[in-house]
Amino acid sequence: MTKTWGQLRGSISNAAKQPKVRKGLISFLTVFVVLQIYFVRELLAAELLFGLLFAVVLALGGVFYVVGAIGERGLDWTEAGVRVIAQSARRGYSAFEEFSRKPLNPGSESAQ
């Protein structure tokens, strides 16, 4: 096994000494590194876009929740206000009926 490993190492070092092989190897490694850097940049960009989209959806969900909660609270306040107004109207109507039943001048006799 060590003999095979030694032969492989020797043939690689002999090939690396040749200018064409060395130039091709450097070109290949350069292209490989550039593509890896590009791939990582694309992944980072995609992750940032995904994060931005998630933040927008989260913000919209929060806005819809707040609007719904305000709407429910508004309905509760409206119901309470309508009850107060209804009670006031009933009391006013009762007072008006009572007032209309009484004569304007209690001491005078009506002409019949």
PDB file of N, CA and C in Angstrom:
ATOM      1  N   MET A   1       0.819  -1.184   0.000  1.00  0.00           N
ATOM      2  CA  MET A   1       0.000   0.000   0.000  1.00  0.00           C
ATOM      3  C   MET A   1       0.867   1.253   0.000  1.00  0.00           C
ATOM      4  N   THR A   2       1.939   1.235   0.790  1.00  0.00           N
ATOM      5  CA  THR A   2       2.827   2.400   0.809  1.00  0.00           C
ATOM      6  C   THR A   2       3.543   2.554  -0.528  1.00  0.00           C
ATOM      7  N   LYS A   3       3.803   1.405  -1.189  1.00  0.00           N
ATOM      8  CA  LYS A   3       4.455   1.469  -2.499  1.00  0.00           C
ATOM      9  C   LYS A   3       3.518   2.138  -3.504  1.00  0.00           C
ATOM     10  N   THR A   4       2.244   1.800  -3.479  1.00  0.00           N
ATOM     11  CA  THR A   4       1.265   2.390  -4.393  1.00  0.00           C
ATOM     12  C   THR A   4       1.114   3.881  -4.098  1.00  0.00           C
ATOM     13  N   TRP A   5       1.078   4.216  -2.836  1.00  0.00           N
ATOM     14  CA  TRP A   5       0.937   5.622  -2.437  1.00  0.00           C
ATOM     15  C   TRP A   5       2.166   6.433  -2.873  1.00  0.00           C
ATOM     16  N   GLY A   6       3.316   5.863  -2.711  1.00  0.00           N
ATOM     17  CA  GLY A   6       4.551   6.533  -3.133  1.00  0.00           C
ATOM     18  C   GLY A   6       4.592   6.729  -4.648  1.00  0.00           C
ATOM     19  N   GLN A   7       4.148   5.729  -5.415  1.00  0.00           N
ATOM     20  CA  GLN A   7       4.135   5.855  -6.871  1.00  0.00           C
ATOM     21  C   GLN A   7       3.128   6.942  -7.301  1.00  0.00           C
ATOM     22  N   LEU A   8       1.992   6.984  -6.646  1.00  0.00           N
ATOM     23  CA  LEU A   8       0.977   7.976  -6.987  1.00  0.00           C
ATOM     24  C   LEU A   8       1.487   9.390  -6.689  1.00  0.00           C
ATOM     25  N   ARG A   9       2.135   9.540  -5.554  1.00  0.00           N
ATOM     26  CA  ARG A   9       2.678  10.840  -5.180  1.00  0.00           C
ATOM     27  C   ARG A   9       3.776  11.259  -6.170  1.00  0.00           C
ATOM     28  N   GLY A  10       4.614  10.318  -6.570  1.00  0.00           N
ATOM     29  CA  GLY A  10       5.683  10.624  -7.520  1.00  0.00           C
ATOM     30  C   GLY A  10       5.135  11.026  -8.874  1.00  0.00           C
ATOM     31  N   SER A  11       4.129  10.335  -9.372  1.00  0.00           N
ATOM     32  CA  SER A  11       3.570  10.679 -10.686  1.00  0.00           C
ATOM     33  C   SER A  11       2.857  12.028 -10.635  1.00  0.00           C
ATOM     34  N   ILE A  12       2.234  12.371  -9.508  1.00  0.00           N
ATOM     35  CA  ILE A  12       1.575  13.674  -9.380  1.00  0.00           C
ATOM     36  C   ILE A  12       2.605  14.785  -9.338  1.00  0.00           C
ATOM     37  N   SER A  13       3.702  14.579  -8.615  1.00  0.00           N
ATOM     38  CA  SER A  13       4.740  15.623  -8.541  1.00  0.00           C
ATOM     39  C   SER A  13       5.416  15.797  -9.892  1.00  0.00           C
ATOM     40  N   ASN A  14       5.627  14.700 -10.649  1.00  0.00           N
ATOM     41  CA  ASN A  14       6.209  14.814 -11.994  1.00  0.00           C
ATOM     42  C   ASN A  14       5.264  15.562 -12.929  1.00  0.00           C
ATOM     43  N   ALA A  15       3.953  15.274 -12.795  1.00  0.00           N
ATOM     44  CA  ALA A  15       2.981  15.955 -13.664  1.00  0.00           C
ATOM     45  C   ALA A  15       2.884  17.426 -13.293  1.00  0.00           C
ATOM     46  N   ALA A  16       3.000  17.757 -11.998  1.00  0.00           N
ATOM     47  CA  ALA A  16       2.888  19.152 -11.567  1.00  0.00           C
ATOM     48  C   ALA A  16       4.083  19.972 -12.025  1.00  0.00           C
ATOM     49  N   LYS A  17       5.189  19.337 -12.364  1.00  0.00           N
ATOM     50  CA  LYS A  17       6.366  20.065 -12.820  1.00  0.00           C
ATOM     51  C   LYS A  17       6.231  20.503 -14.271  1.00  0.00           C
ATOM     52  N   GLN A  18       5.323  19.922 -15.010  1.00  0.00           N
ATOM     53  CA  GLN A  18       5.134  20.290 -16.410  1.00  0.00           C
ATOM     54  C   GLN A  18       4.272  21.559 -16.474  1.00  0.00           C
ATOM     55  N   PRO A  19       4.664  22.541 -17.303  1.00  0.00           N
ATOM     56  CA  PRO A  19       3.958  23.827 -17.344  1.00  0.00           C
ATOM     57  C   PRO A  19       2.498  23.725 -17.790  1.00  0.00           C
ATOM     58  N   LYS A  20       2.199  22.867 -18.764  1.00  0.00           N
ATOM     59  CA  LYS A  20       0.821  22.750 -19.241  1.00  0.00           C
ATOM     60  C   LYS A  20      -0.082  22.197 -18.150  1.00  0.00           C
ATOM     61  N   VAL A  21       0.385  21.175 -17.477  1.00  0.00           N
ATOM     62  CA  VAL A  21      -0.420  20.552 -16.417  1.00  0.00           C
ATOM     63  C   VAL A  21      -0.604  21.533 -15.271  1.00  0.00           C
ATOM     64  N   ARG A  22       0.474  22.231 -14.932  1.00  0.00           N
ATOM     65  CA  ARG A  22       0.405  23.187 -13.826  1.00  0.00           C
ATOM     66  C   ARG A  22      -0.583  24.313 -14.159  1.00  0.00           C
ATOM     67  N   LYS A  23      -0.534  24.821 -15.390  1.00  0.00           N
ATOM     68  CA  LYS A  23      -1.443  25.888 -15.812  1.00  0.00           C
ATOM     69  C   LYS A  23      -2.894  25.402 -15.801  1.00  0.00           C
ATOM     70  N   GLY A  24      -3.121  24.194 -16.274  1.00  0.00           N
ATOM     71  CA  GLY A  24      -4.472  23.633 -16.274  1.00  0.00           C
ATOM     72  C   GLY A  24      -4.999  23.423 -14.868  1.00  0.00           C
ATOM     73  N   LEU A  25      -4.111  22.936 -13.975  1.00  0.00           N
ATOM     74  CA  LEU A  25      -4.506  22.705 -12.588  1.00  0.00           C
ATOM     75  C   LEU A  25      -4.851  24.021 -11.897  1.00  0.00           C
ATOM     76  N   ILE A  26      -4.043  25.037 -12.110  1.00  0.00           N
ATOM     77  CA  ILE A  26      -4.307  26.348 -11.509  1.00  0.00           C
ATOM     78  C   ILE A  26      -5.606  26.933 -12.076  1.00  0.00           C
ATOM     79  N   SER A  27      -5.824  26.775 -13.376  1.00  0.00           N
ATOM     80  CA  SER A  27      -7.070  27.262 -13.988  1.00  0.00           C
ATOM     81  C   SER A  27      -8.280  26.546 -13.395  1.00  0.00           C
ATOM     82  N   PHE A  28      -8.173  25.236 -13.258  1.00  0.00           N
ATOM     83  CA  PHE A  28      -9.269  24.451 -12.693  1.00  0.00           C
ATOM     84  C   PHE A  28      -9.559  24.880 -11.255  1.00  0.00           C
ATOM     85  N   LEU A  29      -8.518  25.025 -10.452  1.00  0.00           N
ATOM     86  CA  LEU A  29      -8.709  25.427  -9.056  1.00  0.00           C
ATOM     87  C   LEU A  29      -9.292  26.837  -8.964  1.00  0.00           C
ATOM     88  N   THR A  30      -8.844  27.724  -9.849  1.00  0.00           N
ATOM     89  CA  THR A  30      -9.379  29.092  -9.858  1.00  0.00           C
ATOM     90  C   THR A  30     -10.867  29.089 -10.190  1.00  0.00           C
ATOM     91  N   VAL A  31     -11.236  28.348 -11.227  1.00  0.00           N
ATOM     92  CA  VAL A  31     -12.655  28.257 -11.606  1.00  0.00           C
ATOM     93  C   VAL A  31     -13.466  27.633 -10.477  1.00  0.00           C
ATOM     94  N   PHE A  32     -12.926  26.602  -9.851  1.00  0.00           N
ATOM     95  CA  PHE A  32     -13.626  25.933  -8.754  1.00  0.00           C
ATOM     96  C   PHE A  32     -13.864  26.891  -7.580  1.00  0.00           C
ATOM     97  N   VAL A  33     -12.845  27.646  -7.204  1.00  0.00           N
ATOM     98  CA  VAL A  33     -12.965  28.585  -6.080  1.00  0.00           C
ATOM     99  C   VAL A  33     -13.951  29.700  -6.412  1.00  0.00           C
ATOM    100  N   VAL A  34     -13.854  30.226  -7.642  1.00  0.00           N
ATOM    101  CA  VAL A  34     -14.774  31.303  -8.044  1.00  0.00           C
ATOM    102  C   VAL A  34     -16.218  30.809  -8.028  1.00  0.00           C
ATOM    103  N   LEU A  35     -16.443  29.607  -8.533  1.00  0.00           N
ATOM    104  CA  LEU A  35     -17.809  29.074  -8.523  1.00  0.00           C
ATOM    105  C   LEU A  35     -18.306  28.827  -7.103  1.00  0.00           C
ATOM    106  N   GLN A  36     -17.424  28.393  -6.221  1.00  0.00           N
ATOM    107  CA  GLN A  36     -17.827  28.186  -4.830  1.00  0.00           C
ATOM    108  C   GLN A  36     -18.189  29.517  -4.171  1.00  0.00           C
ATOM    109  N   ILE A  37     -17.384  30.536  -4.421  1.00  0.00           N
ATOM    110  CA  ILE A  37     -17.673  31.855  -3.865  1.00  0.00           C
ATOM    111  C   ILE A  37     -18.992  32.373  -4.421  1.00  0.00           C
ATOM    112  N   TYR A  38     -19.234  32.208  -5.719  1.00  0.00           N
ATOM    113  CA  TYR A  38     -20.477  32.641  -6.346  1.00  0.00           C
ATOM    114  C   TYR A  38     -21.659  31.894  -5.744  1.00  0.00           C
ATOM    115  N   PHE A  39     -21.512  30.593  -5.555  1.00  0.00           N
ATOM    116  CA  PHE A  39     -22.584  29.778  -4.993  1.00  0.00           C
ATOM    117  C   PHE A  39     -22.927  30.232  -3.585  1.00  0.00           C
ATOM    118  N   VAL A  40     -21.911  30.511  -2.789  1.00  0.00           N
ATOM    119  CA  VAL A  40     -22.150  30.972  -1.418  1.00  0.00           C
ATOM    120  C   VAL A  40     -22.841  32.330  -1.435  1.00  0.00           C
ATOM    121  N   ARG A  41     -22.419  33.225  -2.325  1.00  0.00           N
ATOM    122  CA  ARG A  41     -23.071  34.537  -2.416  1.00  0.00           C
ATOM    123  C   ARG A  41     -24.525  34.394  -2.827  1.00  0.00           C
ATOM    124  N   GLU A  42     -24.804  33.492  -3.754  1.00  0.00           N
ATOM    125  CA  GLU A  42     -26.191  33.276  -4.177  1.00  0.00           C
ATOM    126  C   GLU A  42     -27.032  32.707  -3.038  1.00  0.00           C
ATOM    127  N   LEU A  43     -26.456  31.794  -2.278  1.00  0.00           N
ATOM    128  CA  LEU A  43     -27.192  31.245  -1.131  1.00  0.00           C
ATOM    129  C   LEU A  43     -27.476  32.320  -0.092  1.00  0.00           C
ATOM    130  N   LEU A  44     -26.496  33.170   0.171  1.00  0.00           N
ATOM    131  CA  LEU A  44     -26.705  34.263   1.126  1.00  0.00           C
ATOM    132  C   LEU A  44     -27.780  35.228   0.630  1.00  0.00           C
ATOM    133  N   ALA A  45     -27.747  35.542  -0.648  1.00  0.00           N
ATOM    134  CA  ALA A  45     -28.757  36.436  -1.214  1.00  0.00           C
ATOM    135  C   ALA A  45     -30.145  35.810  -1.120  1.00  0.00           C
ATOM    136  N   ALA A  46     -30.240  34.528  -1.423  1.00  0.00           N
ATOM    137  CA  ALA A  46     -31.536  33.852  -1.326  1.00  0.00           C
ATOM    138  C   ALA A  46     -32.028  33.826   0.115  1.00  0.00           C
ATOM    139  N   GLU A  47     -31.130  33.597   1.053  1.00  0.00           N
ATOM    140  CA  GLU A  47     -31.525  33.575   2.461  1.00  0.00           C
ATOM    141  C   GLU A  47     -31.990  34.954   2.912  1.00  0.00           C
ATOM    142  N   LEU A  48     -31.310  35.996   2.489  1.00  0.00           N
ATOM    143  CA  LEU A  48     -31.733  37.353   2.838  1.00  0.00           C
ATOM    144  C   LEU A  48     -33.101  37.688   2.248  1.00  0.00           C
ATOM    145  N   LEU A  49     -33.322  37.289   0.997  1.00  0.00           N
ATOM    146  CA  LEU A  49     -34.639  37.517   0.386  1.00  0.00           C
ATOM    147  C   LEU A  49     -35.727  36.740   1.116  1.00  0.00           C
ATOM    148  N   PHE A  50     -35.435  35.515   1.488  1.00  0.00           N
ATOM    149  CA  PHE A  50     -36.407  34.709   2.222  1.00  0.00           C
ATOM    150  C   PHE A  50     -36.699  35.349   3.579  1.00  0.00           C
ATOM    151  N   GLY A  51     -35.670  35.827   4.245  1.00  0.00           N
ATOM    152  CA  GLY A  51     -35.858  36.497   5.536  1.00  0.00           C
ATOM    153  C   GLY A  51     -36.686  37.763   5.391  1.00  0.00           C
ATOM    154  N   LEU A  52     -36.439  38.518   4.333  1.00  0.00           N
ATOM    155  CA  LEU A  52     -37.210  39.731   4.082  1.00  0.00           C
ATOM    156  C   LEU A  52     -38.671  39.399   3.816  1.00  0.00           C
ATOM    157  N   LEU A  53     -38.924  38.380   3.022  1.00  0.00           N
ATOM    158  CA  LEU A  53     -40.291  37.946   2.750  1.00  0.00           C
ATOM    159  C   LEU A  53     -40.980  37.488   4.027  1.00  0.00           C
ATOM    160  N   PHE A  54     -40.271  36.756   4.857  1.00  0.00           N
ATOM    161  CA  PHE A  54     -40.829  36.309   6.130  1.00  0.00           C
ATOM    162  C   PHE A  54     -41.167  37.497   7.012  1.00  0.00           C
ATOM    163  N   ALA A  55     -40.304  38.518   7.047  1.00  0.00           N
ATOM    164  CA  ALA A  55     -40.565  39.711   7.861  1.00  0.00           C
ATOM    165  C   ALA A  55     -41.797  40.460   7.355  1.00  0.00           C
ATOM    166  N   VAL A  56     -41.970  40.537   6.042  1.00  0.00           N
ATOM    167  CA  VAL A  56     -43.150  41.208   5.475  1.00  0.00           C
ATOM    168  C   VAL A  56     -44.421  40.453   5.843  1.00  0.00           C
ATOM    169  N   VAL A  57     -44.397  39.137   5.725  1.00  0.00           N
ATOM    170  CA  VAL A  57     -45.576  38.333   6.082  1.00  0.00           C
ATOM    171  C   VAL A  57     -45.872  38.466   7.572  1.00  0.00           C
ATOM    172  N   LEU A  58     -44.836  38.475   8.390  1.00  0.00           N
ATOM    173  CA  LEU A  58     -45.024  38.651   9.830  1.00  0.00           C
ATOM    174  C   LEU A  58     -45.627  40.014  10.134  1.00  0.00           C
ATOM    175  N   ALA A  59     -45.150  41.056   9.481  1.00  0.00           N
ATOM    176  CA  ALA A  59     -45.686  42.405   9.701  1.00  0.00           C
ATOM    177  C   ALA A  59     -47.147  42.491   9.267  1.00  0.00           C
ATOM    178  N   LEU A  60     -47.472  41.905   8.122  1.00  0.00           N
ATOM    179  CA  LEU A  60     -48.871  41.915   7.660  1.00  0.00           C
ATOM    180  C   LEU A  60     -49.771  41.159   8.624  1.00  0.00           C
ATOM    181  N   GLY A  61     -49.305  40.023   9.101  1.00  0.00           N
ATOM    182  CA  GLY A  61     -50.090  39.266  10.084  1.00  0.00           C
ATOM    183  C   GLY A  61     -50.316  40.068  11.358  1.00  0.00           C
ATOM    184  N   GLY A  62     -49.280  40.777  11.806  1.00  0.00           N
ATOM    185  CA  GLY A  62     -49.418  41.618  12.998  1.00  0.00           C
ATOM    186  C   GLY A  62     -50.406  42.745  12.781  1.00  0.00           C
ATOM    187  N   VAL A  63     -50.341  43.376  11.615  1.00  0.00           N
ATOM    188  CA  VAL A  63     -51.270  44.467  11.311  1.00  0.00           C
ATOM    189  C   VAL A  63     -52.705  43.947  11.274  1.00  0.00           C
ATOM    190  N   PHE A  64     -52.920  42.804  10.628  1.00  0.00           N
ATOM    191  CA  PHE A  64     -54.271  42.243  10.570  1.00  0.00           C
ATOM    192  C   PHE A  64     -54.777  41.873  11.954  1.00  0.00           C
ATOM    193  N   TYR A  65     -53.904  41.353  12.794  1.00  0.00           N
ATOM    194  CA  TYR A  65     -54.300  41.002  14.159  1.00  0.00           C
ATOM    195  C   TYR A  65     -54.706  42.255  14.939  1.00  0.00           C
ATOM    196  N   VAL A  66     -53.897  43.308  14.831  1.00  0.00           N
ATOM    197  CA  VAL A  66     -54.201  44.540  15.569  1.00  0.00           C
ATOM    198  C   VAL A  66     -55.502  45.160  15.069  1.00  0.00           C
ATOM    199  N   VAL A  67     -55.700  45.185  13.761  1.00  0.00           N
ATOM    200  CA  VAL A  67     -56.939  45.749  13.211  1.00  0.00           C
ATOM    201  C   VAL A  67     -58.136  44.933  13.690  1.00  0.00           C
ATOM    202  N   GLY A  68     -58.024  43.610  13.705  1.00  0.00           N
ATOM    203  CA  GLY A  68     -59.118  42.764  14.189  1.00  0.00           C
ATOM    204  C   GLY A  68     -59.405  42.995  15.661  1.00  0.00           C
ATOM    205  N   ALA A  69     -58.342  43.120  16.459  1.00  0.00           N
ATOM    206  CA  ALA A  69     -58.536  43.350  17.894  1.00  0.00           C
ATOM    207  C   ALA A  69     -59.184  44.709  18.134  1.00  0.00           C
ATOM    208  N   ILE A  70     -58.754  45.723  17.394  1.00  0.00           N
ATOM    209  CA  ILE A  70     -59.365  47.055  17.532  1.00  0.00           C
ATOM    210  C   ILE A  70     -60.827  47.008  17.100  1.00  0.00           C
ATOM    211  N   GLY A  71     -61.124  46.266  16.045  1.00  0.00           N
ATOM    212  CA  GLY A  71     -62.509  46.134  15.585  1.00  0.00           C
ATOM    213  C   GLY A  71     -63.388  45.483  16.635  1.00  0.00           C
ATOM    214  N   GLU A  72     -62.883  44.423  17.257  1.00  0.00           N
ATOM    215  CA  GLU A  72     -63.665  43.765  18.314  1.00  0.00           C
ATOM    216  C   GLU A  72     -63.883  44.702  19.489  1.00  0.00           C
ATOM    217  N   ARG A  73     -62.840  45.403  19.881  1.00  0.00           N
ATOM    218  CA  ARG A  73     -62.967  46.343  21.002  1.00  0.00           C
ATOM    219  C   ARG A  73     -63.940  47.463  20.636  1.00  0.00           C
ATOM    220  N   GLY A  74     -63.891  47.914  19.405  1.00  0.00           N
ATOM    221  CA  GLY A  74     -64.815  48.953  18.946  1.00  0.00           C
ATOM    222  C   GLY A  74     -66.251  48.486  18.989  1.00  0.00           C
ATOM    223  N   LEU A  75     -66.486  47.231  18.615  1.00  0.00           N
ATOM    224  CA  LEU A  75     -67.849  46.697  18.693  1.00  0.00           C
ATOM    225  C   LEU A  75     -68.332  46.632  20.135  1.00  0.00           C
ATOM    226  N   ASP A  76     -67.444  46.259  21.055  1.00  0.00           N
ATOM    227  CA  ASP A  76     -67.817  46.227  22.468  1.00  0.00           C
ATOM    228  C   ASP A  76     -68.175  47.631  22.955  1.00  0.00           C
ATOM    229  N   TRP A  77     -67.371  48.615  22.606  1.00  0.00           N
ATOM    230  CA  TRP A  77     -67.639  49.994  23.020  1.00  0.00           C
ATOM    231  C   TRP A  77     -68.927  50.510  22.388  1.00  0.00           C
ATOM    232  N   THR A  78     -69.159  50.146  21.125  1.00  0.00           N
ATOM    233  CA  THR A  78     -70.377  50.573  20.450  1.00  0.00           C
ATOM    234  C   THR A  78     -71.597  49.976  21.125  1.00  0.00           C
ATOM    235  N   GLU A  79     -71.511  48.715  21.490  1.00  0.00           N
ATOM    236  CA  GLU A  79     -72.640  48.067  22.166  1.00  0.00           C
ATOM    237  C   GLU A  79     -72.932  48.757  23.504  1.00  0.00           C
ATOM    238  N   ALA A  80     -71.899  49.064  24.254  1.00  0.00           N
ATOM    239  CA  ALA A  80     -72.087  49.758  25.533  1.00  0.00           C
ATOM    240  C   ALA A  80     -72.689  51.137  25.304  1.00  0.00           C
ATOM    241  N   GLY A  81     -72.221  51.842  24.298  1.00  0.00           N
ATOM    242  CA  GLY A  81     -72.764  53.169  23.995  1.00  0.00           C
ATOM    243  C   GLY A  81     -74.210  53.113  23.578  1.00  0.00           C
ATOM    244  N   VAL A  82     -74.565  52.129  22.776  1.00  0.00           N
ATOM    245  CA  VAL A  82     -75.950  51.983  22.335  1.00  0.00           C
ATOM    246  C   VAL A  82     -76.847  51.670  23.525  1.00  0.00           C
ATOM    247  N   ARG A  83     -76.379  50.873  24.455  1.00  0.00           N
ATOM    248  CA  ARG A  83     -77.181  50.577  25.649  1.00  0.00           C
ATOM    249  C   ARG A  83     -77.423  51.831  26.469  1.00  0.00           C
ATOM    250  N   VAL A  84     -76.387  52.642  26.638  1.00  0.00           N
ATOM    251  CA  VAL A  84     -76.544  53.892  27.397  1.00  0.00           C
ATOM    252  C   VAL A  84     -77.528  54.813  26.695  1.00  0.00           C
ATOM    253  N   ILE A  85     -77.377  54.945  25.390  1.00  0.00           N
ATOM    254  CA  ILE A  85     -78.285  55.814  24.629  1.00  0.00           C
ATOM    255  C   ILE A  85     -79.713  55.278  24.696  1.00  0.00           C
ATOM    256  N   ALA A  86     -79.886  53.966  24.595  1.00  0.00           N
ATOM    257  CA  ALA A  86     -81.228  53.373  24.660  1.00  0.00           C
ATOM    258  C   ALA A  86     -81.872  53.621  26.023  1.00  0.00           C
ATOM    259  N   GLN A  87     -81.110  53.451  27.095  1.00  0.00           N
ATOM    260  CA  GLN A  87     -81.650  53.714  28.433  1.00  0.00           C
ATOM    261  C   GLN A  87     -82.024  55.185  28.580  1.00  0.00           C
ATOM    262  N   SER A  88     -81.187  56.068  28.074  1.00  0.00           N
ATOM    263  CA  SER A  88     -81.483  57.495  28.125  1.00  0.00           C
ATOM    264  C   SER A  88     -82.747  57.812  27.338  1.00  0.00           C
ATOM    265  N   ALA A  89     -82.869  57.209  26.173  1.00  0.00           N
ATOM    266  CA  ALA A  89     -84.048  57.455  25.341  1.00  0.00           C
ATOM    267  C   ALA A  89     -85.301  56.939  26.033  1.00  0.00           C
ATOM    268  N   ARG A  90     -85.224  55.759  26.660  1.00  0.00           N
ATOM    269  CA  ARG A  90     -86.392  55.228  27.385  1.00  0.00           C
ATOM    270  C   ARG A  90     -86.798  56.151  28.529  1.00  0.00           C
ATOM    271  N   ARG A  91     -85.802  56.608  29.305  1.00  0.00           N
ATOM    272  CA  ARG A  91     -86.104  57.507  30.420  1.00  0.00           C
ATOM    273  C   ARG A  91     -86.695  58.818  29.914  1.00  0.00           C
ATOM    274  N   GLY A  92     -86.135  59.330  28.844  1.00  0.00           N
ATOM    275  CA  GLY A  92     -86.651  60.577  28.276  1.00  0.00           C
ATOM    276  C   GLY A  92     -88.058  60.412  27.752  1.00  0.00           C
ATOM    277  N   TYR A  93     -88.321  59.290  27.088  1.00  0.00           N
ATOM    278  CA  TYR A  93     -89.656  59.038  26.549  1.00  0.00           C
ATOM    279  C   TYR A  93     -90.660  58.889  27.689  1.00  0.00           C
ATOM    280  N   SER A  94     -90.270  58.183  28.755  1.00  0.00           N
ATOM    281  CA  SER A  94     -91.160  58.025  29.918  1.00  0.00           C
ATOM    282  C   SER A  94     -91.440  59.375  30.557  1.00  0.00           C
ATOM    283  N   ALA A  95     -90.399  60.175  30.709  1.00  0.00           N
ATOM    284  CA  ALA A  95     -90.585  61.509  31.294  1.00  0.00           C
ATOM    285  C   ALA A  95     -91.480  62.353  30.404  1.00  0.00           C
ATOM    286  N   PHE A  96     -91.309  62.273  29.107  1.00  0.00           N
ATOM    287  CA  PHE A  96     -92.141  63.032  28.178  1.00  0.00           C
ATOM    288  C   PHE A  96     -93.600  62.585  28.263  1.00  0.00           C
ATOM    289  N   GLU A  97     -93.854  61.267  28.348  1.00  0.00           N
ATOM    290  CA  GLU A  97     -95.218  60.757  28.482  1.00  0.00           C
ATOM    291  C   GLU A  97     -95.859  61.254  29.773  1.00  0.00           C
ATOM    292  N   GLU A  98     -95.092  61.194  30.835  1.00  0.00           N
ATOM    293  CA  GLU A  98     -95.597  61.655  32.132  1.00  0.00           C
ATOM    294  C   GLU A  98     -95.912  63.143  32.067  1.00  0.00           C
ATOM    295  N   PHE A  99     -95.025  63.897  31.464  1.00  0.00           N
ATOM    296  CA  PHE A  99     -95.230  65.335  31.354  1.00  0.00           C
ATOM    297  C   PHE A  99     -96.433  65.649  30.483  1.00  0.00           C
ATOM    298  N   SER A 100     -96.655  64.895  29.431  1.00  0.00           N
ATOM    299  CA  SER A 100     -97.778  65.171  28.527  1.00  0.00           C
ATOM    300  C   SER A 100     -99.111  64.781  29.149  1.00  0.00           C
ATOM    301  N   ARG A 101     -99.135  63.916  30.110  1.00  0.00           N
ATOM    302  CA  ARG A 101    -100.384  63.515  30.778  1.00  0.00           C
ATOM    303  C   ARG A 101    -100.838  64.557  31.803  1.00  0.00           C
ATOM    304  N   LYS A 102     -99.909  65.294  32.357  1.00  0.00           N
ATOM    305  CA  LYS A 102    -100.259  66.297  33.360  1.00  0.00           C
ATOM    306  C   LYS A 102    -100.817  67.532  32.656  1.00  0.00           C
ATOM    307  N   PRO A 103    -101.768  68.151  33.281  1.00  0.00           N
ATOM    308  CA  PRO A 103    -102.276  69.396  32.696  1.00  0.00           C
ATOM    309  C   PRO A 103    -101.257  70.517  32.879  1.00  0.00           C
ATOM    310  N   LEU A 104    -101.307  71.497  31.987  1.00  0.00           N
ATOM    311  CA  LEU A 104    -100.351  72.582  32.052  1.00  0.00           C
ATOM    312  C   LEU A 104    -100.640  73.495  33.242  1.00  0.00           C
ATOM    313  N   ASN A 105    -101.862  73.811  33.488  1.00  0.00           N
ATOM    314  CA  ASN A 105    -102.240  74.647  34.618  1.00  0.00           C
ATOM    315  C   ASN A 105    -103.084  73.777  35.554  1.00  0.00           C
ATOM    316  N   PRO A 106    -102.524  73.232  36.607  1.00  0.00           N
ATOM    317  CA  PRO A 106    -103.288  72.333  37.462  1.00  0.00           C
ATOM    318  C   PRO A 106    -104.413  73.044  38.211  1.00  0.00           C
ATOM    319  N   GLY A 107    -104.337  74.329  38.437  1.00  0.00           N
ATOM    320  CA  GLY A 107    -105.381  75.021  39.199  1.00  0.00           C
ATOM    321  C   GLY A 107    -106.562  75.386  38.352  1.00  0.00           C
ATOM    322  N   SER A 108    -106.485  75.447  37.065  1.00  0.00           N
ATOM    323  CA  SER A 108    -107.604  75.876  36.202  1.00  0.00           C
ATOM    324  C   SER A 108    -108.470  74.688  35.834  1.00  0.00           C
ATOM    325  N   GLU A 109    -109.719  74.999  35.586  1.00  0.00           N
ATOM    326  CA  GLU A 109    -110.636  73.948  35.178  1.00  0.00           C
ATOM    327  C   GLU A 109    -110.721  73.950  33.660  1.00  0.00           C
ATOM    328  N   SER A 110    -110.901  72.826  33.139  1.00  0.00           N
ATOM    329  CA  SER A 110    -110.992  72.731  31.700  1.00  0.00           C
ATOM    330  C   SER A 110    -112.370  73.150  31.239  1.00  0.00           C
ATOM    331  N   ALA A 111    -112.431  73.739  30.094  1.00  0.00           N
ATOM    332  CA  ALA A 111    -113.715  74.147  29.521  1.00  0.00           C
ATOM    333  C   ALA A 111    -114.308  72.958  28.826  1.00  0.00           C
ATOM    334  N   GLN A 112    -115.528  72.669  29.268  1.00  0.00           N
ATOM    335  CA  GLN A 112    -116.180  71.504  28.643  1.00  0.00           C
ATOM    336  C   GLN A 112    -117.423  71.918  27.917  1.00  0.00           C
TER     337      GLN A 112
END
